[in-house]
N, C-alpha and C. Protein backbone atom coordinates (compact mmCIF):
# COMPACT_ATOMS: atom_id res chain seq x y z
N MET A 1 58.87 -84.78 -24.34
CA MET A 1 58.39 -84.67 -25.76
C MET A 1 57.23 -85.59 -25.77
N ARG A 2 56.62 -84.86 -26.83
CA ARG A 2 54.77 -86.10 -27.11
C ARG A 2 55.53 -86.79 -28.43
N ILE A 3 55.00 -88.12 -27.60
CA ILE A 3 55.18 -89.20 -29.39
C ILE A 3 54.62 -88.56 -30.49
N LYS A 4 53.56 -88.17 -30.65
CA LYS A 4 53.26 -86.90 -31.66
C LYS A 4 53.78 -86.13 -32.81
N ASP A 5 54.48 -85.42 -31.52
CA ASP A 5 55.83 -84.76 -32.06
C ASP A 5 57.14 -85.91 -32.35
N LEU A 6 57.12 -86.60 -31.86
CA LEU A 6 58.47 -87.91 -31.86
C LEU A 6 57.88 -88.49 -33.59
N ARG A 7 56.28 -88.79 -33.73
CA ARG A 7 56.06 -89.67 -35.16
C ARG A 7 56.49 -88.34 -36.17
N SER A 8 56.19 -87.36 -35.62
CA SER A 8 57.04 -86.38 -36.88
C SER A 8 58.34 -86.06 -37.79
N MET A 9 58.49 -86.44 -37.41
CA MET A 9 60.44 -85.99 -37.00
C MET A 9 60.78 -86.92 -38.26
N SER A 10 61.65 -87.12 -38.92
CA SER A 10 62.16 -88.46 -40.02
C SER A 10 63.51 -88.49 -38.77
N ALA A 11 63.71 -90.11 -39.31
CA ALA A 11 65.16 -91.13 -38.77
C ALA A 11 65.81 -89.97 -38.46
N ASP A 12 66.66 -89.10 -39.55
CA ASP A 12 68.01 -88.26 -39.08
C ASP A 12 67.35 -87.45 -37.69
N MET A 13 66.26 -86.86 -37.61
CA MET A 13 66.10 -85.85 -36.83
C MET A 13 66.13 -86.74 -35.29
N LEU A 14 65.59 -87.71 -35.37
CA LEU A 14 65.13 -88.08 -34.32
C LEU A 14 66.64 -88.85 -33.66
N LYS A 15 67.47 -90.24 -34.36
CA LYS A 15 69.16 -90.35 -34.05
C LYS A 15 69.63 -88.69 -33.49
N SER A 16 69.46 -87.64 -34.13
CA SER A 16 70.28 -86.40 -34.04
C SER A 16 69.78 -86.25 -31.58
N ARG A 17 68.71 -86.19 -32.62
CA ARG A 17 68.13 -86.15 -31.00
C ARG A 17 68.11 -86.87 -29.90
N LEU A 18 67.95 -88.05 -29.79
CA LEU A 18 68.43 -89.42 -29.47
C LEU A 18 69.57 -89.49 -29.03
N GLN A 19 70.70 -89.27 -29.01
CA GLN A 19 72.22 -88.61 -28.94
C GLN A 19 72.18 -87.09 -27.61
N GLN A 20 71.39 -86.54 -28.13
CA GLN A 20 71.39 -85.78 -27.45
C GLN A 20 71.30 -85.53 -25.93
N LEU A 21 69.85 -86.45 -26.26
CA LEU A 21 69.37 -87.17 -24.86
C LEU A 21 70.04 -88.49 -23.94
N GLN A 22 70.62 -89.05 -24.88
CA GLN A 22 71.62 -89.40 -24.11
C GLN A 22 73.03 -89.21 -22.78
N PHE A 23 73.61 -87.90 -24.19
CA PHE A 23 74.17 -87.49 -23.83
C PHE A 23 74.25 -86.72 -22.26
N ASP A 24 72.42 -86.08 -21.75
CA ASP A 24 72.06 -84.79 -21.21
C ASP A 24 71.62 -85.66 -20.30
N LEU A 25 71.63 -87.25 -20.09
CA LEU A 25 71.14 -88.31 -19.67
C LEU A 25 72.73 -88.47 -18.55
N SER A 26 73.85 -88.47 -19.44
CA SER A 26 75.28 -89.30 -19.34
C SER A 26 75.41 -88.08 -17.74
N VAL A 27 75.34 -86.50 -18.22
CA VAL A 27 75.63 -85.34 -17.45
C VAL A 27 75.38 -84.93 -16.22
N GLU A 28 73.18 -85.63 -16.19
CA GLU A 28 73.18 -85.38 -15.64
C GLU A 28 73.24 -86.97 -14.28
N LYS A 29 73.86 -88.19 -13.96
CA LYS A 29 74.09 -88.83 -13.71
C LYS A 29 75.33 -88.90 -13.64
N ARG A 30 75.76 -88.13 -13.66
CA ARG A 30 78.13 -88.09 -13.50
C ARG A 30 77.77 -86.94 -11.91
N LYS A 31 76.67 -86.05 -11.89
CA LYS A 31 76.27 -84.93 -11.38
C LYS A 31 75.41 -85.50 -10.25
N VAL A 32 75.05 -86.32 -9.91
CA VAL A 32 74.88 -87.87 -9.15
C VAL A 32 75.68 -87.92 -8.78
N ALA A 33 76.66 -89.24 -9.18
CA ALA A 33 77.57 -89.32 -8.83
C ALA A 33 78.34 -88.94 -8.54
N ALA A 34 79.28 -86.96 -8.32
CA ALA A 34 80.04 -86.42 -7.58
C ALA A 34 79.45 -86.05 -7.01
N THR A 35 78.76 -85.81 -6.07
CA THR A 35 77.54 -84.22 -6.02
C THR A 35 77.52 -85.77 -4.31
N GLY A 36 75.84 -86.73 -4.92
CA GLY A 36 75.97 -87.50 -4.11
C GLY A 36 74.61 -87.39 -3.81
N VAL A 37 74.27 -86.55 -4.18
CA VAL A 37 72.98 -85.36 -4.54
C VAL A 37 71.97 -85.82 -5.41
N GLN A 38 70.74 -86.96 -5.57
CA GLN A 38 70.09 -86.48 -6.51
C GLN A 38 69.25 -85.80 -7.24
N GLY A 39 69.36 -84.98 -7.54
CA GLY A 39 68.73 -83.90 -8.33
C GLY A 39 67.27 -83.53 -9.01
N LYS A 40 67.43 -83.52 -10.28
CA LYS A 40 65.45 -83.54 -10.83
C LYS A 40 65.49 -84.93 -11.31
N LYS A 41 65.17 -85.64 -10.26
CA LYS A 41 64.45 -86.58 -10.23
C LYS A 41 63.61 -87.08 -11.77
N VAL A 42 62.03 -85.48 -11.46
CA VAL A 42 61.44 -86.14 -12.53
C VAL A 42 62.17 -85.64 -14.47
N LYS A 43 63.07 -84.78 -14.51
CA LYS A 43 63.78 -84.14 -16.18
C LYS A 43 64.32 -85.76 -16.20
N VAL A 44 65.11 -86.24 -15.49
CA VAL A 44 65.99 -87.36 -15.87
C VAL A 44 64.49 -89.03 -15.99
N LYS A 45 63.26 -89.36 -15.61
CA LYS A 45 62.86 -89.57 -15.74
C LYS A 45 62.38 -89.44 -17.07
N GLU A 46 61.34 -88.13 -16.88
CA GLU A 46 61.88 -87.74 -18.91
C GLU A 46 62.22 -88.07 -20.00
N MET A 47 63.61 -87.63 -19.76
CA MET A 47 64.88 -87.83 -20.63
C MET A 47 64.38 -89.92 -20.70
N ARG A 48 64.62 -90.70 -20.18
CA ARG A 48 64.93 -91.51 -19.86
C ARG A 48 63.52 -92.62 -21.03
N ARG A 49 62.57 -91.98 -20.68
CA ARG A 49 61.57 -92.25 -21.15
C ARG A 49 61.27 -91.43 -22.33
N THR A 50 61.26 -90.64 -23.22
CA THR A 50 61.83 -90.41 -24.54
C THR A 50 63.35 -90.61 -24.63
N VAL A 51 63.94 -91.51 -24.48
CA VAL A 51 64.95 -92.57 -24.92
C VAL A 51 64.31 -93.77 -25.79
N ALA A 52 63.67 -93.87 -24.51
CA ALA A 52 63.54 -94.84 -25.15
C ALA A 52 62.07 -95.46 -26.13
N GLN A 53 61.25 -93.81 -26.15
CA GLN A 53 60.34 -94.32 -27.41
C GLN A 53 60.99 -93.64 -28.95
N ILE A 54 62.06 -92.41 -28.65
CA ILE A 54 63.00 -92.94 -30.17
C ILE A 54 63.51 -94.00 -30.15
N LEU A 55 63.38 -94.84 -29.72
CA LEU A 55 64.07 -96.19 -29.57
C LEU A 55 63.18 -96.75 -30.21
N THR A 56 62.39 -97.58 -29.86
CA THR A 56 60.69 -97.32 -30.54
C THR A 56 60.64 -97.06 -31.93
N LEU A 57 60.90 -95.53 -32.28
CA LEU A 57 60.62 -95.12 -33.33
C LEU A 57 61.38 -95.88 -34.57
N LEU A 58 62.69 -95.52 -34.12
CA LEU A 58 63.47 -96.15 -35.39
C LEU A 58 63.15 -97.30 -35.17
N LYS A 59 62.65 -98.55 -34.50
CA LYS A 59 62.34 -100.08 -34.94
C LYS A 59 61.24 -99.98 -35.12
N GLU A 60 60.48 -99.09 -35.31
CA GLU A 60 59.82 -99.25 -36.12
C GLU A 60 59.25 -99.24 -37.89
N LYS A 61 60.14 -97.84 -38.04
CA LYS A 61 60.74 -97.81 -38.90
C LYS A 61 61.25 -98.01 -39.88
N GLY A 62 62.60 -99.21 -39.18
CA GLY A 62 63.25 -99.98 -39.33
C GLY A 62 64.43 -99.68 -39.33
N VAL A 63 64.95 -99.09 -38.95
CA VAL A 63 66.65 -97.40 -39.46
C VAL A 63 67.06 -98.71 -37.41
N SER A 64 68.38 -98.13 -38.68
CA SER A 64 69.36 -99.01 -36.67
C SER A 64 69.90 -97.91 -36.44
N ASN A 65 70.46 -97.45 -35.63
CA ASN A 65 70.36 -97.10 -34.46
C ASN A 65 71.78 -97.14 -34.16
């Protein structure tokens, strides 16, 4: 997601998006651990980046996650 889109979201929407991304990221990590085959590296990198951006925005807004 683009940072511009994330900035327009409310804190509650950011929190729900964060939870969804963290769940998806854990699923991808489990797939790699189970199969030993690295899947979509770009997708994982993008998810990790978006998680970091959301955490930064929540911190800027003064909201605890």
